[in-house]
Structures are given as C-alpha cells and as structure tokens.
C-alpha cells in the first residue's frame, strides 16, 4: 500500500484514536505517520537576471528572470517554471500545510528616487500584507529586500515573487534572489 500524508486531525481520529485495542496500529499506520510529519521543502535562486517591465506604477507584476531549483526538494514540491514553487502540482491529495517562506532579493533600477515594492503572490494573487518596500536613491544603487512570511498552502497551490515600482514605470532588475519554503502539517 502507498504511504499517505495525513492531517493531524486525520492521524488522531482515524489512525491513533484513544482507546484502541492492543495491536490496532498497523505498520502502514506508522509509515503514514512518518511521511505526514516529514517537512515539505523546496527552493530556487535567480540564475539569469532580467528586467521586469512595469506598465503601470503601483501595479504588481511577476518578477522576471530565470530561476533554478535548489536540489533536494521534497516529493510534494515542484519548480515548474521560473520564479514559482508549487505544492503537489503533479497530483492531488496532500494535506494543507503551514509554510514558512523566506526570500532575499537584491535589485537595481535605472532611475533615481524610486520606491520599489516586492510581495508574495499565492495562486497569482498578491498577498498585500507580505509587501516590503525599498527606496532607491540613485540608479546605480544595489538594494536588498528580505521577505519572511507564513502561509497555508493546499494541494495544487503555488507561490511566486511579484514586484512594482510605486514611483514610475522604470523597470526593476533582480540580479540575485534566493527563495525557500518549509512546510509542516496542521
């Protein structure tokens, strides 16, 4: 039988409920417990920077550039396209997990006195409260922003980094970025 990731509630009510008879817990139940408590994790880094075009100042767009997966991702995570991590993208049925997101981005812009904002996007929708802002004094400045956030991902959800220039339509180039997710069951 295949190992099955389960929620904490499912583990407590279906496999390990109070008052079970001796020997009621099977080898498969223990295997399901082990895979359920395994951490889901994945990450990527920018391997080729590219300018992100800003059409409308203050409107977020997906950050451009080529990203490369960091080796050793868990089975429930994929990196199907640049600047994107998917939870259980190839199959359906993993339990909802609580994820810690950590990203660090260095960037430049060609114009002076620009306010640049980065944010996480879940399933293509910016998470407003995850937004971090930075002011670029001169176009030659290399600035850095960290993003640290907690979120829930259900089966087939995905996460990306989005960006906007709040001051003008001047493009933003992320020359370095690391992005990682670590999740556990609820």
C-alpha atoms as a PDB file:
ATOM      1  CA  UNK A   1       0.000   0.000   0.000  1.00  0.00           C
ATOM      2  CA  UNK A   2       1.207   3.533  -0.744  1.00  0.00           C
ATOM      3  CA  UNK A   3       2.207   5.783   2.110  1.00  0.00           C
ATOM      4  CA  UNK A   4      -0.367   8.555   2.695  1.00  0.00           C
ATOM      5  CA  UNK A   5       0.295  12.022   4.066  1.00  0.00           C
ATOM      6  CA  UNK A   6      -2.463  12.950   6.521  1.00  0.00           C
ATOM      7  CA  UNK A   7      -3.509  15.962   8.596  1.00  0.00           C
ATOM      8  CA  UNK A   8      -3.007  15.939  12.360  1.00  0.00           C
ATOM      9  CA  UNK A   9      -6.781  15.648  12.811  1.00  0.00           C
ATOM     10  CA  UNK A  10      -6.907  12.623  10.495  1.00  0.00           C
ATOM     11  CA  UNK A  11      -3.981  10.971  12.295  1.00  0.00           C
ATOM     12  CA  UNK A  12      -5.644  11.435  15.697  1.00  0.00           C
ATOM     13  CA  UNK A  13      -9.151  10.379  14.689  1.00  0.00           C
ATOM     14  CA  UNK A  14      -8.540   7.682  12.061  1.00  0.00           C
ATOM     15  CA  UNK A  15      -5.242   6.042  12.989  1.00  0.00           C
ATOM     16  CA  UNK A  16      -4.313   6.822  16.593  1.00  0.00           C
ATOM     17  CA  UNK A  17      -7.578   7.435  18.448  1.00  0.00           C
ATOM     18  CA  UNK A  18      -7.871   6.987  22.198  1.00  0.00           C
ATOM     19  CA  UNK A  19      -8.895   3.576  23.476  1.00  0.00           C
ATOM     20  CA  UNK A  20      -7.556   1.473  20.617  1.00  0.00           C
ATOM     21  CA  UNK A  21      -7.092  -2.208  21.257  1.00  0.00           C
ATOM     22  CA  UNK A  22      -3.575  -3.541  21.600  1.00  0.00           C
ATOM     23  CA  UNK A  23      -2.036  -4.193  18.189  1.00  0.00           C
ATOM     24  CA  UNK A  24      -4.575  -1.985  16.362  1.00  0.00           C
ATOM     25  CA  UNK A  25      -1.859   0.273  14.969  1.00  0.00           C
ATOM     26  CA  UNK A  26      -0.506  -1.274  11.791  1.00  0.00           C
ATOM     27  CA  UNK A  27       2.909  -0.931  10.157  1.00  0.00           C
ATOM     28  CA  UNK A  28       1.216   1.152   7.438  1.00  0.00           C
ATOM     29  CA  UNK A  29      -0.262   3.478  10.090  1.00  0.00           C
ATOM     30  CA  UNK A  30       3.252   4.137  11.389  1.00  0.00           C
ATOM     31  CA  UNK A  31       4.549   4.700   7.844  1.00  0.00           C
ATOM     32  CA  UNK A  32       1.714   7.206   7.242  1.00  0.00           C
ATOM     33  CA  UNK A  33       2.659   8.981  10.489  1.00  0.00           C
ATOM     34  CA  UNK A  34       6.299   9.261   9.393  1.00  0.00           C
ATOM     35  CA  UNK A  35       5.522  10.673   5.923  1.00  0.00           C
ATOM     36  CA  UNK A  36       2.926  13.035   7.418  1.00  0.00           C
ATOM     37  CA  UNK A  37       5.455  14.615   9.763  1.00  0.00           C
ATOM     38  CA  UNK A  38       8.158  14.905   7.109  1.00  0.00           C
ATOM     39  CA  UNK A  39       8.815  18.527   6.184  1.00  0.00           C
ATOM     40  CA  UNK A  40       7.850  19.681   2.697  1.00  0.00           C
ATOM     41  CA  UNK A  41      10.555  21.951   1.337  1.00  0.00           C
ATOM     42  CA  UNK A  42      11.880  23.476  -1.870  1.00  0.00           C
ATOM     43  CA  UNK A  43      13.760  26.497  -3.089  1.00  0.00           C
ATOM     44  CA  UNK A  44      15.236  28.298  -6.051  1.00  0.00           C
ATOM     45  CA  UNK A  45      17.630  31.082  -6.922  1.00  0.00           C
ATOM     46  CA  UNK A  46      17.885  33.583  -9.780  1.00  0.00           C
ATOM     47  CA  UNK A  47      20.353  32.117 -12.265  1.00  0.00           C
ATOM     48  CA  UNK A  48      19.899  34.752 -15.002  1.00  0.00           C
ATOM     49  CA  UNK A  49      18.599  38.210 -14.211  1.00  0.00           C
ATOM     50  CA  UNK A  50      16.197  40.095 -16.470  1.00  0.00           C
ATOM     51  CA  UNK A  51      14.447  43.453 -16.275  1.00  0.00           C
ATOM     52  CA  UNK A  52      10.848  43.316 -15.075  1.00  0.00           C
ATOM     53  CA  UNK A  53       8.737  45.686 -17.160  1.00  0.00           C
ATOM     54  CA  UNK A  54       6.416  47.955 -15.198  1.00  0.00           C
ATOM     55  CA  UNK A  55       3.476  49.123 -17.293  1.00  0.00           C
ATOM     56  CA  UNK A  56       1.508  50.880 -14.552  1.00  0.00           C
ATOM     57  CA  UNK A  57       3.290  52.296 -11.482  1.00  0.00           C
ATOM     58  CA  UNK A  58       1.910  50.725  -8.309  1.00  0.00           C
ATOM     59  CA  UNK A  59       0.580  47.621 -10.080  1.00  0.00           C
ATOM     60  CA  UNK A  60       2.325  44.374  -9.180  1.00  0.00           C
ATOM     61  CA  UNK A  61       3.671  42.009 -11.874  1.00  0.00           C
ATOM     62  CA  UNK A  62       5.514  38.705 -11.612  1.00  0.00           C
ATOM     63  CA  UNK A  63       9.261  39.209 -11.158  1.00  0.00           C
ATOM     64  CA  UNK A  64      11.226  38.412 -14.330  1.00  0.00           C
ATOM     65  CA  UNK A  65      14.445  36.414 -14.573  1.00  0.00           C
ATOM     66  CA  UNK A  66      15.373  32.773 -14.873  1.00  0.00           C
ATOM     67  CA  UNK A  67      15.316  30.723 -11.687  1.00  0.00           C
ATOM     68  CA  UNK A  68      16.948  27.391 -10.959  1.00  0.00           C
ATOM     69  CA  UNK A  69      15.679  24.911  -8.372  1.00  0.00           C
ATOM     70  CA  UNK A  70      17.847  24.219  -5.367  1.00  0.00           C
ATOM     71  CA  UNK A  71      18.468  20.462  -5.224  1.00  0.00           C
ATOM     72  CA  UNK A  72      16.817  18.197  -2.708  1.00  0.00           C
ATOM     73  CA  UNK A  73      13.191  19.361  -2.857  1.00  0.00           C
ATOM     74  CA  UNK A  74      10.695  17.071  -1.173  1.00  0.00           C
ATOM     75  CA  UNK A  75       8.351  14.925  -3.242  1.00  0.00           C
ATOM     76  CA  UNK A  76       5.350  17.236  -2.727  1.00  0.00           C
ATOM     77  CA  UNK A  77       7.083  20.332  -4.149  1.00  0.00           C
ATOM     78  CA  UNK A  78       7.921  21.294  -7.732  1.00  0.00           C
ATOM     79  CA  UNK A  79       9.562  24.212  -9.547  1.00  0.00           C
ATOM     80  CA  UNK A  80       7.630  24.059 -12.848  1.00  0.00           C
ATOM     81  CA  UNK A  81       8.571  27.486 -14.166  1.00  0.00           C
ATOM     82  CA  UNK A  82      10.712  30.465 -13.336  1.00  0.00           C
ATOM     83  CA  UNK A  83      10.017  32.205 -10.009  1.00  0.00           C
ATOM     84  CA  UNK A  84       7.407  29.668  -8.892  1.00  0.00           C
ATOM     85  CA  UNK A  85       7.099  26.844  -6.367  1.00  0.00           C
ATOM     86  CA  UNK A  86       4.094  24.503  -6.478  1.00  0.00           C
ATOM     87  CA  UNK A  87       2.778  22.360  -3.651  1.00  0.00           C
ATOM     88  CA  UNK A  88       1.668  18.968  -5.004  1.00  0.00           C
ATOM     89  CA  UNK A  89       1.400  20.223  -8.576  1.00  0.00           C
ATOM     90  CA  UNK A  90       1.629  16.762 -10.149  1.00  0.00           C
ATOM     91  CA  UNK A  91      -1.022  15.044  -8.042  1.00  0.00           C
ATOM     92  CA  UNK A  92      -3.909  15.984  -5.792  1.00  0.00           C
ATOM     93  CA  UNK A  93      -4.448  14.943  -2.212  1.00  0.00           C
ATOM     94  CA  UNK A  94      -1.672  16.155   0.065  1.00  0.00           C
ATOM     95  CA  UNK A  95      -2.969  17.750   3.275  1.00  0.00           C
ATOM     96  CA  UNK A  96      -2.984  21.521   3.730  1.00  0.00           C
ATOM     97  CA  UNK A  97       0.293  22.620   5.264  1.00  0.00           C
ATOM     98  CA  UNK A  98       1.566  25.680   7.069  1.00  0.00           C
ATOM     99  CA  UNK A  99       4.638  27.066   5.242  1.00  0.00           C
ATOM    100  CA  UNK A 100       7.427  29.422   6.240  1.00  0.00           C
ATOM    101  CA  UNK A 101       8.581  31.466   3.239  1.00  0.00           C
ATOM    102  CA  UNK A 102      11.999  33.122   3.172  1.00  0.00           C
ATOM    103  CA  UNK A 103      13.323  35.198   0.298  1.00  0.00           C
ATOM    104  CA  UNK A 104      16.175  37.624  -0.164  1.00  0.00           C
ATOM    105  CA  UNK A 105      16.350  39.793  -3.273  1.00  0.00           C
ATOM    106  CA  UNK A 106      18.987  42.232  -4.500  1.00  0.00           C
ATOM    107  CA  UNK A 107      17.867  44.569  -7.245  1.00  0.00           C
ATOM    108  CA  UNK A 108      18.612  47.671  -9.280  1.00  0.00           C
ATOM    109  CA  UNK A 109      16.598  50.186 -11.271  1.00  0.00           C
ATOM    110  CA  UNK A 110      17.775  52.683 -13.895  1.00  0.00           C
ATOM    111  CA  UNK A 111      16.179  55.800 -12.353  1.00  0.00           C
ATOM    112  CA  UNK A 112      16.835  57.815  -9.209  1.00  0.00           C
ATOM    113  CA  UNK A 113      14.476  58.218  -6.244  1.00  0.00           C
ATOM    114  CA  UNK A 114      12.280  55.176  -6.941  1.00  0.00           C
ATOM    115  CA  UNK A 115      10.161  53.322  -4.375  1.00  0.00           C
ATOM    116  CA  UNK A 116      10.138  49.614  -5.222  1.00  0.00           C
ATOM    117  CA  UNK A 117       7.847  47.065  -3.546  1.00  0.00           C
ATOM    118  CA  UNK A 118       8.060  43.271  -3.563  1.00  0.00           C
ATOM    119  CA  UNK A 119       5.362  40.871  -2.353  1.00  0.00           C
ATOM    120  CA  UNK A 120       4.451  37.203  -2.316  1.00  0.00           C
ATOM    121  CA  UNK A 121       1.691  36.056  -4.634  1.00  0.00           C
ATOM    122  CA  UNK A 122      -0.323  32.914  -3.922  1.00  0.00           C
ATOM    123  CA  UNK A 123      -2.010  31.391  -6.981  1.00  0.00           C
ATOM    124  CA  UNK A 124      -1.337  34.609  -8.915  1.00  0.00           C
ATOM    125  CA  UNK A 125      -2.833  36.956  -6.300  1.00  0.00           C
ATOM    126  CA  UNK A 126      -0.560  39.319  -4.350  1.00  0.00           C
ATOM    127  CA  UNK A 127      -0.687  38.879  -0.568  1.00  0.00           C
ATOM    128  CA  UNK A 128      -0.979  42.558   0.377  1.00  0.00           C
ATOM    129  CA  UNK A 129       0.455  42.267   3.884  1.00  0.00           C
ATOM    130  CA  UNK A 130       3.588  40.446   2.657  1.00  0.00           C
ATOM    131  CA  UNK A 131       4.710  43.587   0.824  1.00  0.00           C
ATOM    132  CA  UNK A 132       8.140  45.050   1.565  1.00  0.00           C
ATOM    133  CA  UNK A 133       9.307  48.402   0.166  1.00  0.00           C
ATOM    134  CA  UNK A 134      12.686  49.941  -0.508  1.00  0.00           C
ATOM    135  CA  UNK A 135      13.734  53.348  -1.809  1.00  0.00           C
ATOM    136  CA  UNK A 136      16.461  53.531  -4.442  1.00  0.00           C
ATOM    137  CA  UNK A 137      18.354  56.823  -4.135  1.00  0.00           C
ATOM    138  CA  UNK A 138      20.373  56.572  -7.339  1.00  0.00           C
ATOM    139  CA  UNK A 139      20.024  54.229 -10.283  1.00  0.00           C
ATOM    140  CA  UNK A 140      23.422  52.696  -9.555  1.00  0.00           C
ATOM    141  CA  UNK A 141      22.391  51.598  -6.044  1.00  0.00           C
ATOM    142  CA  UNK A 142      22.132  47.864  -5.438  1.00  0.00           C
ATOM    143  CA  UNK A 143      19.408  47.392  -2.854  1.00  0.00           C
ATOM    144  CA  UNK A 144      18.321  44.329  -0.889  1.00  0.00           C
ATOM    145  CA  UNK A 145      14.942  43.285   0.492  1.00  0.00           C
ATOM    146  CA  UNK A 146      14.124  40.288   2.670  1.00  0.00           C
ATOM    147  CA  UNK A 147      10.687  38.671   2.736  1.00  0.00           C
ATOM    148  CA  UNK A 148       9.690  36.344   5.542  1.00  0.00           C
ATOM    149  CA  UNK A 149       6.113  35.142   5.680  1.00  0.00           C
ATOM    150  CA  UNK A 150       3.843  32.362   6.954  1.00  0.00           C
ATOM    151  CA  UNK A 151       1.059  30.988   4.799  1.00  0.00           C
ATOM    152  CA  UNK A 152      -1.150  27.982   4.234  1.00  0.00           C
ATOM    153  CA  UNK A 153      -0.921  26.031   1.017  1.00  0.00           C
ATOM    154  CA  UNK A 154      -3.445  23.419  -0.018  1.00  0.00           C
ATOM    155  CA  UNK A 155      -2.847  20.825  -2.689  1.00  0.00           C
ATOM    156  CA  UNK A 156      -2.055  22.499  -6.077  1.00  0.00           C
ATOM    157  CA  UNK A 157      -1.398  25.994  -4.611  1.00  0.00           C
ATOM    158  CA  UNK A 158       1.676  27.878  -5.803  1.00  0.00           C
ATOM    159  CA  UNK A 159       3.784  30.842  -4.634  1.00  0.00           C
ATOM    160  CA  UNK A 160       5.752  33.483  -6.599  1.00  0.00           C
ATOM    161  CA  UNK A 161       7.503  36.839  -6.026  1.00  0.00           C
ATOM    162  CA  UNK A 162       5.877  39.887  -7.613  1.00  0.00           C
ATOM    163  CA  UNK A 163       7.187  43.466  -7.856  1.00  0.00           C
ATOM    164  CA  UNK A 164       6.096  47.006  -8.642  1.00  0.00           C
ATOM    165  CA  UNK A 165       7.653  50.435  -8.978  1.00  0.00           C
ATOM    166  CA  UNK A 166       5.440  52.802  -6.990  1.00  0.00           C
ATOM    167  CA  UNK A 167       7.138  55.900  -8.430  1.00  0.00           C
ATOM    168  CA  UNK A 168       7.307  55.392 -12.198  1.00  0.00           C
ATOM    169  CA  UNK A 169       7.274  52.807 -14.983  1.00  0.00           C
ATOM    170  CA  UNK A 170      11.047  52.305 -14.710  1.00  0.00           C
ATOM    171  CA  UNK A 171      11.923  48.587 -14.894  1.00  0.00           C
ATOM    172  CA  UNK A 172      13.359  46.625 -11.977  1.00  0.00           C
ATOM    173  CA  UNK A 173      16.110  44.020 -12.305  1.00  0.00           C
ATOM    174  CA  UNK A 174      16.566  41.378  -9.615  1.00  0.00           C
ATOM    175  CA  UNK A 175      20.181  40.339 -10.036  1.00  0.00           C
ATOM    176  CA  UNK A 176      20.205  37.909  -7.092  1.00  0.00           C
ATOM    177  CA  UNK A 177      17.433  36.115  -5.235  1.00  0.00           C
ATOM    178  CA  UNK A 178      17.059  33.091  -3.029  1.00  0.00           C
ATOM    179  CA  UNK A 179      13.593  31.748  -2.220  1.00  0.00           C
ATOM    180  CA  UNK A 180      12.654  28.826   0.010  1.00  0.00           C
ATOM    181  CA  UNK A 181       9.586  27.163   1.514  1.00  0.00           C
ATOM    182  CA  UNK A 182       9.412  24.837   4.531  1.00  0.00           C
ATOM    183  CA  UNK A 183       6.067  23.320   5.483  1.00  0.00           C
ATOM    184  CA  UNK A 184       4.509  21.080   8.112  1.00  0.00           C
ATOM    185  CA  UNK A 185       1.058  19.547   8.529  1.00  0.00           C
ATOM    186  CA  UNK A 186      -1.675  21.147  10.546  1.00  0.00           C
END
